Amino acid sequence: MLSEIEKEQIDREVAAVPVKEAAGIEALKIIQQHRGWVSDESLREVAAYLGVAPEELDSVATFYNLIFRQPVGRHIILLCDSISCWVMGYEQLRTQLQHKLGIGFGQTTADGCFTLLPNPCLGTCDHAPALMIDGDLYKDVSVEMLEEVLSKYK
């Protein structure tokens, strides 16, 4: 069931758009902010609240790569896999991250700390390779920097 706070925040988003249905992605972001991810039940609740079919809202949720439809770790690592990052060392970062964390893309560490996801662009091609953890952008990342970067989130 949607909490009063979630409803209030969704209502603010609805007020900012011409039709209620247009607030779908923002409503899902609100749910994710409060719950960590968007479960099937949460999606159905939001769909009912906005007056849209759950399947329609699910198609929006699965289109956006930053709406999580399964549980994720406390910290989300987005590793940029754009062409610039590939050229500047993406493969070494990916290999080292996967080895260090013991997970592949789309997986969460056993302790629930990190989920590792590929991301097509972090918008900092002039400082490739890049990764983002919980909204914190790291530029010109080297394998040698990973230990220090990850230690900030444990």
N, C-alpha and C. Protein backbone atom coordinates (compact mmCIF):
# COMPACT_ATOMS: atom_id res chain seq x y z
N MET A 1 0.84 -1.17 0.00
CA MET A 1 0.00 0.00 0.00
C MET A 1 0.89 1.25 0.00
N LEU A 2 0.54 2.21 -0.82
CA LEU A 2 1.31 3.46 -0.88
C LEU A 2 1.19 4.21 0.44
N SER A 3 2.31 4.69 0.92
CA SER A 3 2.29 5.48 2.15
C SER A 3 1.77 6.88 1.85
N GLU A 4 1.40 7.58 2.89
CA GLU A 4 0.92 8.96 2.71
C GLU A 4 2.01 9.85 2.12
N ILE A 5 3.24 9.64 2.56
CA ILE A 5 4.37 10.43 2.03
C ILE A 5 4.55 10.15 0.53
N GLU A 6 4.49 8.87 0.15
CA GLU A 6 4.62 8.52 -1.26
C GLU A 6 3.49 9.16 -2.07
N LYS A 7 2.27 9.10 -1.57
CA LYS A 7 1.13 9.70 -2.27
C LYS A 7 1.31 11.21 -2.42
N GLU A 8 1.76 11.86 -1.36
CA GLU A 8 1.97 13.31 -1.43
C GLU A 8 3.01 13.66 -2.48
N GLN A 9 4.11 12.91 -2.51
CA GLN A 9 5.16 13.18 -3.49
C GLN A 9 4.68 12.88 -4.91
N ILE A 10 3.94 11.81 -5.08
CA ILE A 10 3.39 11.49 -6.40
C ILE A 10 2.41 12.58 -6.84
N ASP A 11 1.58 13.04 -5.91
CA ASP A 11 0.62 14.11 -6.23
C ASP A 11 1.33 15.37 -6.70
N ARG A 12 2.47 15.69 -6.13
CA ARG A 12 3.25 16.86 -6.58
C ARG A 12 3.73 16.67 -8.01
N GLU A 13 4.13 15.46 -8.35
CA GLU A 13 4.57 15.17 -9.72
C GLU A 13 3.38 15.23 -10.68
N VAL A 14 2.25 14.71 -10.26
CA VAL A 14 1.05 14.74 -11.09
C VAL A 14 0.64 16.18 -11.39
N ALA A 15 0.77 17.05 -10.39
CA ALA A 15 0.40 18.46 -10.56
C ALA A 15 1.29 19.18 -11.58
N ALA A 16 2.47 18.64 -11.84
CA ALA A 16 3.42 19.30 -12.73
C ALA A 16 3.30 18.87 -14.19
N VAL A 17 2.40 17.91 -14.48
CA VAL A 17 2.27 17.41 -15.84
C VAL A 17 0.84 17.59 -16.35
N PRO A 18 0.65 17.63 -17.67
CA PRO A 18 -0.69 17.90 -18.21
C PRO A 18 -1.71 16.77 -17.98
N VAL A 19 -1.24 15.52 -17.95
CA VAL A 19 -2.13 14.39 -17.68
C VAL A 19 -1.49 13.50 -16.63
N LYS A 20 -2.33 12.94 -15.79
CA LYS A 20 -1.87 12.14 -14.65
C LYS A 20 -0.91 11.02 -15.05
N GLU A 21 -1.20 10.38 -16.18
CA GLU A 21 -0.39 9.25 -16.63
C GLU A 21 1.07 9.63 -16.90
N ALA A 22 1.30 10.89 -17.22
CA ALA A 22 2.65 11.35 -17.55
C ALA A 22 3.58 11.36 -16.34
N ALA A 23 3.04 11.18 -15.16
CA ALA A 23 3.86 11.17 -13.95
C ALA A 23 4.38 9.78 -13.61
N GLY A 24 4.16 8.83 -14.50
CA GLY A 24 4.52 7.44 -14.22
C GLY A 24 5.96 7.22 -13.82
N ILE A 25 6.89 7.69 -14.61
CA ILE A 25 8.30 7.44 -14.30
C ILE A 25 8.71 8.12 -13.00
N GLU A 26 8.22 9.33 -12.77
CA GLU A 26 8.55 10.02 -11.52
C GLU A 26 7.94 9.31 -10.32
N ALA A 27 6.73 8.77 -10.49
CA ALA A 27 6.10 8.02 -9.40
C ALA A 27 6.92 6.77 -9.07
N LEU A 28 7.41 6.10 -10.10
CA LEU A 28 8.25 4.92 -9.87
C LEU A 28 9.55 5.29 -9.17
N LYS A 29 10.12 6.42 -9.53
CA LYS A 29 11.34 6.89 -8.86
C LYS A 29 11.08 7.15 -7.39
N ILE A 30 9.91 7.70 -7.09
CA ILE A 30 9.55 7.97 -5.69
C ILE A 30 9.45 6.65 -4.92
N ILE A 31 8.78 5.67 -5.49
CA ILE A 31 8.66 4.36 -4.84
C ILE A 31 10.04 3.77 -4.60
N GLN A 32 10.88 3.83 -5.61
CA GLN A 32 12.23 3.29 -5.48
C GLN A 32 13.03 4.02 -4.42
N GLN A 33 12.87 5.31 -4.35
CA GLN A 33 13.58 6.10 -3.34
C GLN A 33 13.21 5.63 -1.92
N HIS A 34 11.95 5.32 -1.72
CA HIS A 34 11.49 4.90 -0.40
C HIS A 34 11.70 3.42 -0.11
N ARG A 35 11.63 2.59 -1.13
CA ARG A 35 11.65 1.15 -0.92
C ARG A 35 12.89 0.44 -1.44
N GLY A 36 13.73 1.17 -2.19
CA GLY A 36 14.96 0.59 -2.71
C GLY A 36 14.82 -0.02 -4.09
N TRP A 37 13.61 -0.45 -4.45
CA TRP A 37 13.33 -1.05 -5.76
C TRP A 37 11.84 -1.03 -5.97
N VAL A 38 11.40 -1.40 -7.17
CA VAL A 38 9.97 -1.38 -7.51
C VAL A 38 9.49 -2.82 -7.71
N SER A 39 8.80 -3.33 -6.70
CA SER A 39 8.26 -4.69 -6.78
C SER A 39 7.03 -4.70 -7.68
N ASP A 40 6.58 -5.90 -8.05
CA ASP A 40 5.36 -6.02 -8.85
C ASP A 40 4.18 -5.41 -8.10
N GLU A 41 4.11 -5.67 -6.81
CA GLU A 41 3.02 -5.13 -6.00
C GLU A 41 3.06 -3.60 -5.99
N SER A 42 4.24 -3.03 -5.81
CA SER A 42 4.38 -1.57 -5.81
C SER A 42 3.98 -0.99 -7.16
N LEU A 43 4.39 -1.66 -8.22
CA LEU A 43 4.05 -1.19 -9.56
C LEU A 43 2.53 -1.18 -9.76
N ARG A 44 1.86 -2.25 -9.31
CA ARG A 44 0.40 -2.31 -9.43
C ARG A 44 -0.27 -1.20 -8.62
N GLU A 45 0.27 -0.91 -7.43
CA GLU A 45 -0.29 0.16 -6.59
C GLU A 45 -0.16 1.52 -7.27
N VAL A 46 0.99 1.78 -7.84
CA VAL A 46 1.21 3.06 -8.54
C VAL A 46 0.31 3.14 -9.77
N ALA A 47 0.21 2.05 -10.50
CA ALA A 47 -0.65 2.03 -11.69
C ALA A 47 -2.09 2.35 -11.31
N ALA A 48 -2.59 1.73 -10.26
CA ALA A 48 -3.96 1.99 -9.81
C ALA A 48 -4.12 3.44 -9.38
N TYR A 49 -3.12 3.96 -8.68
CA TYR A 49 -3.18 5.34 -8.20
C TYR A 49 -3.21 6.33 -9.36
N LEU A 50 -2.47 6.01 -10.42
CA LEU A 50 -2.42 6.91 -11.60
C LEU A 50 -3.51 6.60 -12.61
N GLY A 51 -4.19 5.49 -12.43
CA GLY A 51 -5.26 5.14 -13.35
C GLY A 51 -4.76 4.62 -14.68
N VAL A 52 -3.66 3.87 -14.65
CA VAL A 52 -3.11 3.27 -15.88
C VAL A 52 -3.02 1.76 -15.69
N ALA A 53 -2.92 1.05 -16.79
CA ALA A 53 -2.77 -0.40 -16.72
C ALA A 53 -1.38 -0.73 -16.17
N PRO A 54 -1.29 -1.73 -15.29
CA PRO A 54 0.02 -2.13 -14.77
C PRO A 54 1.00 -2.50 -15.88
N GLU A 55 0.52 -3.11 -16.96
CA GLU A 55 1.39 -3.50 -18.07
C GLU A 55 1.99 -2.27 -18.75
N GLU A 56 1.19 -1.22 -18.84
CA GLU A 56 1.68 0.02 -19.45
C GLU A 56 2.77 0.64 -18.59
N LEU A 57 2.55 0.66 -17.29
CA LEU A 57 3.55 1.22 -16.39
C LEU A 57 4.80 0.34 -16.34
N ASP A 58 4.62 -0.97 -16.42
CA ASP A 58 5.76 -1.87 -16.43
C ASP A 58 6.62 -1.64 -17.67
N SER A 59 5.99 -1.35 -18.81
CA SER A 59 6.77 -1.08 -20.03
C SER A 59 7.62 0.17 -19.85
N VAL A 60 7.12 1.15 -19.11
CA VAL A 60 7.91 2.35 -18.80
C VAL A 60 9.05 1.97 -17.86
N ALA A 61 8.73 1.20 -16.83
CA ALA A 61 9.73 0.82 -15.82
C ALA A 61 10.86 0.02 -16.42
N THR A 62 10.55 -0.88 -17.34
CA THR A 62 11.60 -1.72 -17.91
C THR A 62 12.38 -1.01 -19.00
N PHE A 63 11.85 0.09 -19.53
CA PHE A 63 12.58 0.88 -20.52
C PHE A 63 13.71 1.66 -19.87
N TYR A 64 13.46 2.23 -18.71
CA TYR A 64 14.46 3.04 -18.02
C TYR A 64 15.39 2.15 -17.21
N ASN A 65 16.68 2.25 -17.48
CA ASN A 65 17.63 1.34 -16.84
C ASN A 65 17.91 1.69 -15.38
N LEU A 66 17.39 2.78 -14.88
CA LEU A 66 17.65 3.13 -13.48
C LEU A 66 16.42 2.90 -12.60
N ILE A 67 15.43 2.21 -13.11
CA ILE A 67 14.32 1.72 -12.29
C ILE A 67 14.63 0.25 -12.04
N PHE A 68 14.77 -0.10 -10.79
CA PHE A 68 15.17 -1.46 -10.43
C PHE A 68 13.94 -2.29 -10.13
N ARG A 69 13.76 -3.36 -10.89
CA ARG A 69 12.58 -4.21 -10.75
C ARG A 69 12.86 -5.47 -9.94
N GLN A 70 14.03 -5.51 -9.33
CA GLN A 70 14.37 -6.58 -8.39
C GLN A 70 15.23 -5.96 -7.30
N PRO A 71 15.31 -6.62 -6.15
CA PRO A 71 16.12 -6.03 -5.07
C PRO A 71 17.56 -5.78 -5.51
N VAL A 72 18.11 -4.70 -5.01
CA VAL A 72 19.49 -4.33 -5.31
C VAL A 72 20.24 -4.09 -4.01
N GLY A 73 21.55 -3.96 -4.12
CA GLY A 73 22.37 -3.71 -2.95
C GLY A 73 22.17 -2.29 -2.42
N ARG A 74 22.77 -2.05 -1.27
CA ARG A 74 22.68 -0.71 -0.66
C ARG A 74 23.32 0.35 -1.54
N HIS A 75 24.31 -0.07 -2.33
CA HIS A 75 25.02 0.85 -3.22
C HIS A 75 25.00 0.29 -4.64
N ILE A 76 24.66 1.15 -5.58
CA ILE A 76 24.59 0.77 -6.98
C ILE A 76 25.83 1.31 -7.70
N ILE A 77 26.58 0.42 -8.31
CA ILE A 77 27.74 0.82 -9.11
C ILE A 77 27.32 0.77 -10.57
N LEU A 78 27.39 1.91 -11.24
CA LEU A 78 27.13 1.98 -12.68
C LEU A 78 28.47 2.15 -13.38
N LEU A 79 28.84 1.17 -14.16
CA LEU A 79 30.10 1.22 -14.89
C LEU A 79 29.80 1.61 -16.32
N CYS A 80 30.33 2.74 -16.75
CA CYS A 80 30.09 3.23 -18.10
C CYS A 80 30.76 2.31 -19.11
N ASP A 81 29.96 1.89 -20.10
CA ASP A 81 30.52 1.04 -21.15
C ASP A 81 30.41 1.69 -22.54
N SER A 82 30.49 3.03 -22.55
CA SER A 82 30.49 3.76 -23.82
C SER A 82 31.79 3.50 -24.57
N ILE A 83 31.82 3.91 -25.82
CA ILE A 83 33.02 3.68 -26.64
C ILE A 83 34.23 4.39 -26.04
N SER A 84 34.03 5.59 -25.50
CA SER A 84 35.15 6.31 -24.89
C SER A 84 35.72 5.53 -23.71
N CYS A 85 34.84 5.00 -22.88
CA CYS A 85 35.31 4.24 -21.72
C CYS A 85 35.97 2.94 -22.15
N TRP A 86 35.44 2.30 -23.20
CA TRP A 86 36.06 1.08 -23.71
C TRP A 86 37.50 1.37 -24.13
N VAL A 87 37.69 2.44 -24.87
CA VAL A 87 39.01 2.79 -25.38
C VAL A 87 39.98 3.12 -24.24
N MET A 88 39.46 3.72 -23.18
CA MET A 88 40.32 4.22 -22.11
C MET A 88 40.48 3.27 -20.92
N GLY A 89 39.99 2.02 -21.02
CA GLY A 89 40.27 1.07 -19.95
C GLY A 89 39.08 0.39 -19.30
N TYR A 90 37.93 0.46 -19.92
CA TYR A 90 36.73 -0.17 -19.37
C TYR A 90 36.94 -1.65 -19.05
N GLU A 91 37.51 -2.39 -19.96
CA GLU A 91 37.63 -3.84 -19.78
C GLU A 91 38.42 -4.19 -18.53
N GLN A 92 39.50 -3.45 -18.27
CA GLN A 92 40.30 -3.71 -17.06
C GLN A 92 39.50 -3.38 -15.80
N LEU A 93 38.75 -2.27 -15.85
CA LEU A 93 37.92 -1.90 -14.68
C LEU A 93 36.84 -2.94 -14.43
N ARG A 94 36.16 -3.36 -15.51
CA ARG A 94 35.11 -4.36 -15.37
C ARG A 94 35.67 -5.64 -14.77
N THR A 95 36.77 -6.12 -15.31
CA THR A 95 37.38 -7.36 -14.82
C THR A 95 37.76 -7.22 -13.35
N GLN A 96 38.39 -6.12 -12.99
CA GLN A 96 38.83 -5.93 -11.61
C GLN A 96 37.64 -5.78 -10.65
N LEU A 97 36.62 -5.02 -11.06
CA LEU A 97 35.42 -4.87 -10.22
C LEU A 97 34.74 -6.21 -10.00
N GLN A 98 34.56 -6.96 -11.06
CA GLN A 98 33.89 -8.24 -10.94
C GLN A 98 34.69 -9.20 -10.07
N HIS A 99 36.00 -9.18 -10.22
CA HIS A 99 36.86 -10.04 -9.39
C HIS A 99 36.81 -9.60 -7.93
N LYS A 100 36.98 -8.32 -7.71
CA LYS A 100 37.03 -7.78 -6.34
C LYS A 100 35.72 -8.00 -5.60
N LEU A 101 34.59 -7.81 -6.30
CA LEU A 101 33.28 -7.94 -5.67
C LEU A 101 32.74 -9.37 -5.71
N GLY A 102 33.29 -10.19 -6.61
CA GLY A 102 32.83 -11.56 -6.73
C GLY A 102 31.46 -11.67 -7.38
N ILE A 103 31.12 -10.71 -8.24
CA ILE A 103 29.82 -10.71 -8.92
C ILE A 103 29.99 -10.29 -10.37
N GLY A 104 28.99 -10.58 -11.17
CA GLY A 104 28.93 -10.12 -12.54
C GLY A 104 27.90 -9.01 -12.65
N PHE A 105 27.69 -8.52 -13.85
CA PHE A 105 26.68 -7.49 -14.08
C PHE A 105 25.30 -7.99 -13.68
N GLY A 106 24.55 -7.14 -13.04
CA GLY A 106 23.20 -7.48 -12.62
C GLY A 106 23.14 -8.26 -11.33
N GLN A 107 24.28 -8.48 -10.71
CA GLN A 107 24.31 -9.26 -9.47
C GLN A 107 24.63 -8.36 -8.28
N THR A 108 24.32 -8.88 -7.11
CA THR A 108 24.55 -8.17 -5.86
C THR A 108 25.50 -9.00 -4.99
N THR A 109 26.41 -8.32 -4.31
CA THR A 109 27.35 -9.03 -3.43
C THR A 109 26.59 -9.76 -2.33
N ALA A 110 27.19 -10.82 -1.83
CA ALA A 110 26.54 -11.67 -0.82
C ALA A 110 26.13 -10.88 0.43
N ASP A 111 26.90 -9.84 0.76
CA ASP A 111 26.58 -9.04 1.94
C ASP A 111 25.53 -7.96 1.66
N GLY A 112 25.05 -7.90 0.41
CA GLY A 112 24.02 -6.92 0.05
C GLY A 112 24.54 -5.50 -0.08
N CYS A 113 25.84 -5.34 -0.13
CA CYS A 113 26.43 -4.00 -0.17
C CYS A 113 26.38 -3.39 -1.57
N PHE A 114 26.81 -4.12 -2.60
CA PHE A 114 26.93 -3.56 -3.94
C PHE A 114 26.13 -4.35 -4.98
N THR A 115 25.55 -3.62 -5.93
CA THR A 115 25.01 -4.20 -7.15
C THR A 115 25.79 -3.54 -8.28
N LEU A 116 26.24 -4.35 -9.23
CA LEU A 116 27.05 -3.86 -10.35
C LEU A 116 26.22 -3.88 -11.63
N LEU A 117 26.14 -2.73 -12.29
CA LEU A 117 25.36 -2.61 -13.52
C LEU A 117 26.15 -1.88 -14.60
N PRO A 118 25.99 -2.32 -15.86
CA PRO A 118 26.58 -1.55 -16.95
C PRO A 118 25.70 -0.33 -17.21
N ASN A 119 26.29 0.72 -17.73
CA ASN A 119 25.54 1.92 -18.08
C ASN A 119 26.06 2.44 -19.40
N PRO A 120 25.17 2.74 -20.34
CA PRO A 120 25.63 3.13 -21.68
C PRO A 120 26.31 4.49 -21.76
N CYS A 121 26.09 5.37 -20.80
CA CYS A 121 26.74 6.68 -20.84
C CYS A 121 26.57 7.39 -19.51
N LEU A 122 27.65 7.89 -18.99
CA LEU A 122 27.60 8.72 -17.78
C LEU A 122 27.88 10.18 -18.10
N GLY A 123 28.03 10.49 -19.38
CA GLY A 123 28.15 11.87 -19.81
C GLY A 123 29.47 12.54 -19.50
N THR A 124 30.52 11.77 -19.38
CA THR A 124 31.82 12.36 -19.09
C THR A 124 32.90 11.71 -19.95
N CYS A 125 32.64 11.67 -21.26
CA CYS A 125 33.55 11.00 -22.19
C CYS A 125 34.96 11.61 -22.18
N ASP A 126 35.06 12.88 -21.85
CA ASP A 126 36.38 13.51 -21.82
C ASP A 126 37.19 13.10 -20.59
N HIS A 127 36.56 12.33 -19.70
CA HIS A 127 37.26 11.84 -18.50
C HIS A 127 37.03 10.35 -18.32
N ALA A 128 37.06 9.62 -19.42
CA ALA A 128 36.86 8.17 -19.41
C ALA A 128 38.11 7.47 -18.91
N PRO A 129 37.95 6.32 -18.32
CA PRO A 129 36.71 5.63 -18.00
C PRO A 129 36.07 6.21 -16.74
N ALA A 130 34.75 5.95 -16.62
CA ALA A 130 34.00 6.52 -15.51
C ALA A 130 33.08 5.48 -14.88
N LEU A 131 32.78 5.72 -13.63
CA LEU A 131 31.77 4.93 -12.94
C LEU A 131 31.05 5.84 -11.96
N MET A 132 29.86 5.40 -11.57
CA MET A 132 29.06 6.17 -10.63
C MET A 132 28.60 5.23 -9.53
N ILE A 133 28.69 5.68 -8.30
CA ILE A 133 28.17 4.93 -7.17
C ILE A 133 27.22 5.85 -6.43
N ASP A 134 25.95 5.43 -6.38
CA ASP A 134 24.92 6.20 -5.65
C ASP A 134 24.89 7.68 -6.05
N GLY A 135 25.10 7.97 -7.30
CA GLY A 135 25.06 9.36 -7.76
C GLY A 135 26.40 10.08 -7.68
N ASP A 136 27.40 9.45 -7.07
CA ASP A 136 28.75 10.04 -7.01
C ASP A 136 29.52 9.61 -8.26
N LEU A 137 29.90 10.57 -9.08
CA LEU A 137 30.58 10.29 -10.33
C LEU A 137 32.09 10.27 -10.13
N TYR A 138 32.72 9.22 -10.62
CA TYR A 138 34.18 9.09 -10.57
C TYR A 138 34.70 9.10 -12.00
N LYS A 139 35.63 10.02 -12.26
CA LYS A 139 36.17 10.20 -13.61
C LYS A 139 37.62 9.74 -13.66
N ASP A 140 38.07 9.45 -14.88
CA ASP A 140 39.46 9.03 -15.08
C ASP A 140 39.84 7.89 -14.12
N VAL A 141 38.96 6.94 -13.98
CA VAL A 141 39.14 5.86 -13.01
C VAL A 141 40.18 4.86 -13.50
N SER A 142 41.05 4.49 -12.61
CA SER A 142 42.04 3.46 -12.90
C SER A 142 41.80 2.28 -11.96
N VAL A 143 42.33 1.14 -12.33
CA VAL A 143 42.22 -0.06 -11.49
C VAL A 143 42.81 0.22 -10.11
N GLU A 144 43.86 1.00 -10.07
CA GLU A 144 44.52 1.31 -8.80
C GLU A 144 43.63 2.14 -7.87
N MET A 145 42.67 2.86 -8.40
CA MET A 145 41.78 3.70 -7.59
C MET A 145 40.62 2.93 -6.97
N LEU A 146 40.33 1.74 -7.48
CA LEU A 146 39.11 1.04 -7.10
C LEU A 146 39.01 0.76 -5.61
N GLU A 147 40.07 0.32 -4.99
CA GLU A 147 40.04 0.00 -3.56
C GLU A 147 39.62 1.21 -2.74
N GLU A 148 40.23 2.35 -3.02
CA GLU A 148 39.90 3.57 -2.29
C GLU A 148 38.46 4.01 -2.55
N VAL A 149 38.03 3.95 -3.79
CA VAL A 149 36.67 4.35 -4.13
C VAL A 149 35.65 3.46 -3.42
N LEU A 150 35.83 2.15 -3.51
CA LEU A 150 34.88 1.22 -2.91
C LEU A 150 34.85 1.33 -1.38
N SER A 151 36.00 1.62 -0.79
CA SER A 151 36.06 1.69 0.68
C SER A 151 35.16 2.79 1.26
N LYS A 152 34.79 3.77 0.47
CA LYS A 152 33.92 4.86 0.93
C LYS A 152 32.49 4.39 1.16
N TYR A 153 32.14 3.22 0.65
CA TYR A 153 30.75 2.77 0.67
C TYR A 153 30.52 1.52 1.50
N LYS A 154 31.51 1.06 2.18
CA LYS A 154 31.35 -0.18 2.97
C LYS A 154 30.76 0.08 4.33
